[in-house]
C-alpha atoms as a PDB file:
ATOM      1  CA  UNK A   1    -230.016 153.995 -37.048  1.00  0.00           C
ATOM      2  CA  UNK A   2    -229.464 151.286 -34.618  1.00  0.00           C
ATOM      3  CA  UNK A   3    -226.206 149.251 -34.749  1.00  0.00           C
ATOM      4  CA  UNK A   4    -226.297 145.386 -34.503  1.00  0.00           C
ATOM      5  CA  UNK A   5    -225.199 145.432 -30.871  1.00  0.00           C
ATOM      6  CA  UNK A   6    -227.896 147.784 -29.813  1.00  0.00           C
ATOM      7  CA  UNK A   7    -230.519 145.642 -31.779  1.00  0.00           C
ATOM      8  CA  UNK A   8    -229.355 142.526 -30.055  1.00  0.00           C
ATOM      9  CA  UNK A   9    -229.724 144.242 -26.730  1.00  0.00           C
ATOM     10  CA  UNK A  10    -233.340 145.212 -27.609  1.00  0.00           C
ATOM     11  CA  UNK A  11    -234.282 141.622 -28.384  1.00  0.00           C
ATOM     12  CA  UNK A  12    -232.339 140.463 -25.062  1.00  0.00           C
ATOM     13  CA  UNK A  13    -234.425 142.785 -23.153  1.00  0.00           C
ATOM     14  CA  UNK A  14    -237.539 141.608 -24.818  1.00  0.00           C
ATOM     15  CA  UNK A  15    -237.214 137.831 -25.263  1.00  0.00           C
ATOM     16  CA  UNK A  16    -240.856 137.386 -26.566  1.00  0.00           C
ATOM     17  CA  UNK A  17    -240.448 139.931 -29.213  1.00  0.00           C
ATOM     18  CA  UNK A  18    -239.843 138.141 -32.607  1.00  0.00           C
ATOM     19  CA  UNK A  19    -237.477 139.749 -34.966  1.00  0.00           C
ATOM     20  CA  UNK A  20    -239.817 139.080 -37.885  1.00  0.00           C
ATOM     21  CA  UNK A  21    -242.287 141.316 -36.267  1.00  0.00           C
ATOM     22  CA  UNK A  22    -240.276 143.831 -34.363  1.00  0.00           C
ATOM     23  CA  UNK A  23    -238.008 146.179 -35.987  1.00  0.00           C
ATOM     24  CA  UNK A  24    -235.646 148.714 -34.263  1.00  0.00           C
ATOM     25  CA  UNK A  25    -238.072 151.310 -35.870  1.00  0.00           C
ATOM     26  CA  UNK A  26    -240.730 149.880 -33.682  1.00  0.00           C
ATOM     27  CA  UNK A  27    -238.759 150.182 -30.569  1.00  0.00           C
ATOM     28  CA  UNK A  28    -237.748 153.784 -31.455  1.00  0.00           C
ATOM     29  CA  UNK A  29    -241.440 154.700 -31.914  1.00  0.00           C
ATOM     30  CA  UNK A  30    -242.038 153.438 -28.415  1.00  0.00           C
ATOM     31  CA  UNK A  31    -239.519 155.415 -26.873  1.00  0.00           C
ATOM     32  CA  UNK A  32    -240.942 158.512 -28.670  1.00  0.00           C
ATOM     33  CA  UNK A  33    -244.461 158.045 -27.611  1.00  0.00           C
ATOM     34  CA  UNK A  34    -246.134 160.786 -25.484  1.00  0.00           C
ATOM     35  CA  UNK A  35    -249.590 159.285 -25.149  1.00  0.00           C
ATOM     36  CA  UNK A  36    -251.262 155.997 -25.102  1.00  0.00           C
ATOM     37  CA  UNK A  37    -252.912 156.550 -28.380  1.00  0.00           C
ATOM     38  CA  UNK A  38    -249.304 157.297 -29.895  1.00  0.00           C
ATOM     39  CA  UNK A  39    -248.795 153.501 -29.350  1.00  0.00           C
ATOM     40  CA  UNK A  40    -251.665 152.173 -31.186  1.00  0.00           C
ATOM     41  CA  UNK A  41    -250.044 152.605 -34.793  1.00  0.00           C
ATOM     42  CA  UNK A  42    -247.039 150.880 -33.583  1.00  0.00           C
ATOM     43  CA  UNK A  43    -249.102 147.800 -32.281  1.00  0.00           C
ATOM     44  CA  UNK A  44    -251.235 147.886 -35.529  1.00  0.00           C
ATOM     45  CA  UNK A  45    -248.059 147.817 -37.778  1.00  0.00           C
ATOM     46  CA  UNK A  46    -246.953 144.764 -35.802  1.00  0.00           C
ATOM     47  CA  UNK A  47    -250.345 143.117 -35.751  1.00  0.00           C
ATOM     48  CA  UNK A  48    -250.693 143.353 -39.595  1.00  0.00           C
ATOM     49  CA  UNK A  49    -247.493 141.134 -39.886  1.00  0.00           C
ATOM     50  CA  UNK A  50    -249.236 138.264 -38.320  1.00  0.00           C
ATOM     51  CA  UNK A  51    -250.940 135.367 -40.024  1.00  0.00           C
ATOM     52  CA  UNK A  52    -254.282 134.795 -38.361  1.00  0.00           C
ATOM     53  CA  UNK A  53    -255.524 134.111 -35.809  1.00  0.00           C
ATOM     54  CA  UNK A  54    -253.627 136.305 -33.402  1.00  0.00           C
ATOM     55  CA  UNK A  55    -253.768 135.895 -29.599  1.00  0.00           C
ATOM     56  CA  UNK A  56    -253.235 138.597 -27.108  1.00  0.00           C
ATOM     57  CA  UNK A  57    -252.456 137.687 -23.353  1.00  0.00           C
ATOM     58  CA  UNK A  58    -254.363 139.422 -20.509  1.00  0.00           C
ATOM     59  CA  UNK A  59    -253.768 139.216 -16.790  1.00  0.00           C
ATOM     60  CA  UNK A  60    -252.563 141.225 -13.776  1.00  0.00           C
ATOM     61  CA  UNK A  61    -249.617 143.620 -14.395  1.00  0.00           C
ATOM     62  CA  UNK A  62    -250.207 146.552 -12.002  1.00  0.00           C
ATOM     63  CA  UNK A  63    -253.059 145.300  -9.948  1.00  0.00           C
ATOM     64  CA  UNK A  64    -253.406 141.865  -8.516  1.00  0.00           C
ATOM     65  CA  UNK A  65    -251.560 138.723  -9.535  1.00  0.00           C
ATOM     66  CA  UNK A  66    -248.329 138.120  -7.632  1.00  0.00           C
ATOM     67  CA  UNK A  67    -248.376 141.486  -5.979  1.00  0.00           C
ATOM     68  CA  UNK A  68    -245.546 143.373  -7.866  1.00  0.00           C
ATOM     69  CA  UNK A  69    -245.237 144.514 -11.437  1.00  0.00           C
ATOM     70  CA  UNK A  70    -241.946 142.639 -12.079  1.00  0.00           C
ATOM     71  CA  UNK A  71    -243.360 139.323 -10.828  1.00  0.00           C
ATOM     72  CA  UNK A  72    -246.545 139.661 -12.862  1.00  0.00           C
ATOM     73  CA  UNK A  73    -244.238 140.788 -15.958  1.00  0.00           C
ATOM     74  CA  UNK A  74    -242.261 137.482 -15.462  1.00  0.00           C
ATOM     75  CA  UNK A  75    -245.472 135.504 -15.557  1.00  0.00           C
ATOM     76  CA  UNK A  76    -246.622 137.406 -18.855  1.00  0.00           C
ATOM     77  CA  UNK A  77    -243.307 136.458 -20.606  1.00  0.00           C
ATOM     78  CA  UNK A  78    -243.534 132.923 -19.578  1.00  0.00           C
ATOM     79  CA  UNK A  79    -247.178 132.645 -20.709  1.00  0.00           C
ATOM     80  CA  UNK A  80    -246.244 134.269 -23.990  1.00  0.00           C
ATOM     81  CA  UNK A  81    -243.230 132.095 -24.571  1.00  0.00           C
ATOM     82  CA  UNK A  82    -245.323 128.949 -23.634  1.00  0.00           C
ATOM     83  CA  UNK A  83    -248.090 129.949 -26.270  1.00  0.00           C
ATOM     84  CA  UNK A  84    -245.429 130.857 -28.978  1.00  0.00           C
ATOM     85  CA  UNK A  85    -243.673 127.344 -28.327  1.00  0.00           C
ATOM     86  CA  UNK A  86    -247.248 125.919 -29.123  1.00  0.00           C
ATOM     87  CA  UNK A  87    -246.935 127.660 -32.502  1.00  0.00           C
ATOM     88  CA  UNK A  88    -249.654 130.053 -31.710  1.00  0.00           C
ATOM     89  CA  UNK A  89    -249.551 133.644 -33.243  1.00  0.00           C
ATOM     90  CA  UNK A  90    -249.154 135.859 -29.994  1.00  0.00           C
ATOM     91  CA  UNK A  91    -248.964 139.432 -30.027  1.00  0.00           C
ATOM     92  CA  UNK A  92    -246.375 140.333 -27.359  1.00  0.00           C
ATOM     93  CA  UNK A  93    -247.275 143.388 -25.639  1.00  0.00           C
ATOM     94  CA  UNK A  94    -244.577 143.235 -23.004  1.00  0.00           C
ATOM     95  CA  UNK A  95    -242.245 145.686 -24.834  1.00  0.00           C
ATOM     96  CA  UNK A  96    -245.206 148.283 -24.653  1.00  0.00           C
ATOM     97  CA  UNK A  97    -245.271 147.941 -20.740  1.00  0.00           C
ATOM     98  CA  UNK A  98    -242.432 150.154 -19.864  1.00  0.00           C
ATOM     99  CA  UNK A  99    -243.867 153.034 -22.123  1.00  0.00           C
ATOM    100  CA  UNK A 100    -247.387 152.428 -20.774  1.00  0.00           C
ATOM    101  CA  UNK A 101    -246.016 152.797 -17.131  1.00  0.00           C
ATOM    102  CA  UNK A 102    -244.083 155.937 -18.125  1.00  0.00           C
ATOM    103  CA  UNK A 103    -247.111 157.596 -19.646  1.00  0.00           C
ATOM    104  CA  UNK A 104    -249.408 156.437 -16.730  1.00  0.00           C
ATOM    105  CA  UNK A 105    -246.988 157.997 -14.199  1.00  0.00           C
ATOM    106  CA  UNK A 106    -247.488 161.352 -15.991  1.00  0.00           C
ATOM    107  CA  UNK A 107    -251.225 160.815 -16.235  1.00  0.00           C
ATOM    108  CA  UNK A 108    -251.526 160.062 -12.432  1.00  0.00           C
ATOM    109  CA  UNK A 109    -249.446 163.359 -11.823  1.00  0.00           C
ATOM    110  CA  UNK A 110    -251.974 165.220 -13.953  1.00  0.00           C
ATOM    111  CA  UNK A 111    -255.062 163.342 -12.331  1.00  0.00           C
ATOM    112  CA  UNK A 112    -254.335 163.139  -8.634  1.00  0.00           C
ATOM    113  CA  UNK A 113    -256.880 161.073  -6.617  1.00  0.00           C
ATOM    114  CA  UNK A 114    -257.409 158.634  -9.548  1.00  0.00           C
ATOM    115  CA  UNK A 115    -257.056 154.979  -8.556  1.00  0.00           C
ATOM    116  CA  UNK A 116    -256.673 153.417 -11.931  1.00  0.00           C
ATOM    117  CA  UNK A 117    -255.308 154.869 -15.205  1.00  0.00           C
ATOM    118  CA  UNK A 118    -258.376 154.077 -17.660  1.00  0.00           C
ATOM    119  CA  UNK A 119    -256.490 155.571 -20.768  1.00  0.00           C
ATOM    120  CA  UNK A 120    -254.363 152.637 -20.831  1.00  0.00           C
ATOM    121  CA  UNK A 121    -257.555 150.525 -21.434  1.00  0.00           C
ATOM    122  CA  UNK A 122    -259.698 152.830 -23.486  1.00  0.00           C
ATOM    123  CA  UNK A 123    -257.081 154.507 -25.523  1.00  0.00           C
ATOM    124  CA  UNK A 124    -254.468 151.751 -26.111  1.00  0.00           C
ATOM    125  CA  UNK A 125    -256.102 148.344 -25.591  1.00  0.00           C
ATOM    126  CA  UNK A 126    -259.662 149.082 -26.797  1.00  0.00           C
ATOM    127  CA  UNK A 127    -258.547 150.232 -30.223  1.00  0.00           C
ATOM    128  CA  UNK A 128    -256.241 147.135 -30.715  1.00  0.00           C
ATOM    129  CA  UNK A 129    -258.918 144.598 -29.640  1.00  0.00           C
ATOM    130  CA  UNK A 130    -261.495 146.494 -31.939  1.00  0.00           C
ATOM    131  CA  UNK A 131    -258.989 146.627 -34.880  1.00  0.00           C
ATOM    132  CA  UNK A 132    -259.964 143.111 -36.190  1.00  0.00           C
ATOM    133  CA  UNK A 133    -256.517 141.895 -35.929  1.00  0.00           C
ATOM    134  CA  UNK A 134    -256.902 140.128 -32.720  1.00  0.00           C
ATOM    135  CA  UNK A 135    -259.239 137.098 -32.515  1.00  0.00           C
ATOM    136  CA  UNK A 136    -258.348 135.711 -29.168  1.00  0.00           C
ATOM    137  CA  UNK A 137    -257.579 136.706 -25.608  1.00  0.00           C
ATOM    138  CA  UNK A 138    -255.749 134.271 -23.282  1.00  0.00           C
ATOM    139  CA  UNK A 139    -256.359 135.100 -19.785  1.00  0.00           C
ATOM    140  CA  UNK A 140    -253.474 134.282 -17.186  1.00  0.00           C
ATOM    141  CA  UNK A 141    -254.511 131.918 -14.317  1.00  0.00           C
ATOM    142  CA  UNK A 142    -255.588 134.452 -11.630  1.00  0.00           C
ATOM    143  CA  UNK A 143    -256.684 137.209 -14.104  1.00  0.00           C
ATOM    144  CA  UNK A 144    -259.841 138.007 -11.928  1.00  0.00           C
ATOM    145  CA  UNK A 145    -257.580 139.799  -9.271  1.00  0.00           C
ATOM    146  CA  UNK A 146    -256.635 142.508 -11.924  1.00  0.00           C
ATOM    147  CA  UNK A 147    -258.903 145.397 -12.602  1.00  0.00           C
ATOM    148  CA  UNK A 148    -257.649 145.676 -16.119  1.00  0.00           C
ATOM    149  CA  UNK A 149    -258.016 142.151 -17.016  1.00  0.00           C
ATOM    150  CA  UNK A 150    -261.603 142.102 -15.803  1.00  0.00           C
ATOM    151  CA  UNK A 151    -262.364 145.198 -18.044  1.00  0.00           C
ATOM    152  CA  UNK A 152    -260.603 143.368 -20.838  1.00  0.00           C
ATOM    153  CA  UNK A 153    -262.635 140.267 -20.398  1.00  0.00           C
ATOM    154  CA  UNK A 154    -265.952 142.391 -20.644  1.00  0.00           C
ATOM    155  CA  UNK A 155    -264.580 144.208 -23.749  1.00  0.00           C
ATOM    156  CA  UNK A 156    -263.601 140.762 -25.500  1.00  0.00           C
ATOM    157  CA  UNK A 157    -267.065 139.539 -24.803  1.00  0.00           C
ATOM    158  CA  UNK A 158    -268.686 142.788 -26.304  1.00  0.00           C
ATOM    159  CA  UNK A 159    -266.313 142.513 -29.348  1.00  0.00           C
ATOM    160  CA  UNK A 160    -266.933 138.918 -29.831  1.00  0.00           C
ATOM    161  CA  UNK A 161    -263.079 137.806 -29.377  1.00  0.00           C
ATOM    162  CA  UNK A 162    -262.480 134.191 -28.455  1.00  0.00           C
ATOM    163  CA  UNK A 163    -261.447 133.580 -24.872  1.00  0.00           C
ATOM    164  CA  UNK A 164    -258.997 131.066 -23.327  1.00  0.00           C
ATOM    165  CA  UNK A 165    -258.540 130.580 -19.816  1.00  0.00           C
ATOM    166  CA  UNK A 166    -255.095 129.276 -19.209  1.00  0.00           C
ATOM    167  CA  UNK A 167    -253.878 126.869 -16.350  1.00  0.00           C
ATOM    168  CA  UNK A 168    -251.331 128.364 -13.869  1.00  0.00           C
ATOM    169  CA  UNK A 169    -247.843 128.865 -15.789  1.00  0.00           C
ATOM    170  CA  UNK A 170    -244.943 129.695 -13.766  1.00  0.00           C
ATOM    171  CA  UNK A 171    -242.162 131.878 -14.633  1.00  0.00           C
END
């Protein structure tokens, strides 16, 4: 059980996570995840709470963009907050990112020589995109510099998701 102060800290650390969608139980499930596929049920539970249509944001995180994960995540948060301020239903995947990063570090230890952790895309994002709960992907300006965002764009087209190309939004 998480106390009120701990819950407030979780939402302070993840300012785009809406309390109506994210519960302390969701954050606990993230911490306990050992594989990318362990995260999918958490994402689906959150997505099922949305009113349609739901948008997810795509763009550089670990490759491309502004060159560092921290700077790219600041852009992600700014884009998500901007879309939320326009009353769009946006799935905020930023709380997943630290867990994805943790699991990918272990994956790279077990797969030396690999240059990109494809299970992030194939075992986490593809099931979410294919769930029928996402209808639109909003691509951050400069998405082309990201290997993962290019893969997500191809997958979005294959699945038939709507695509928005966003203007530059600064953090």
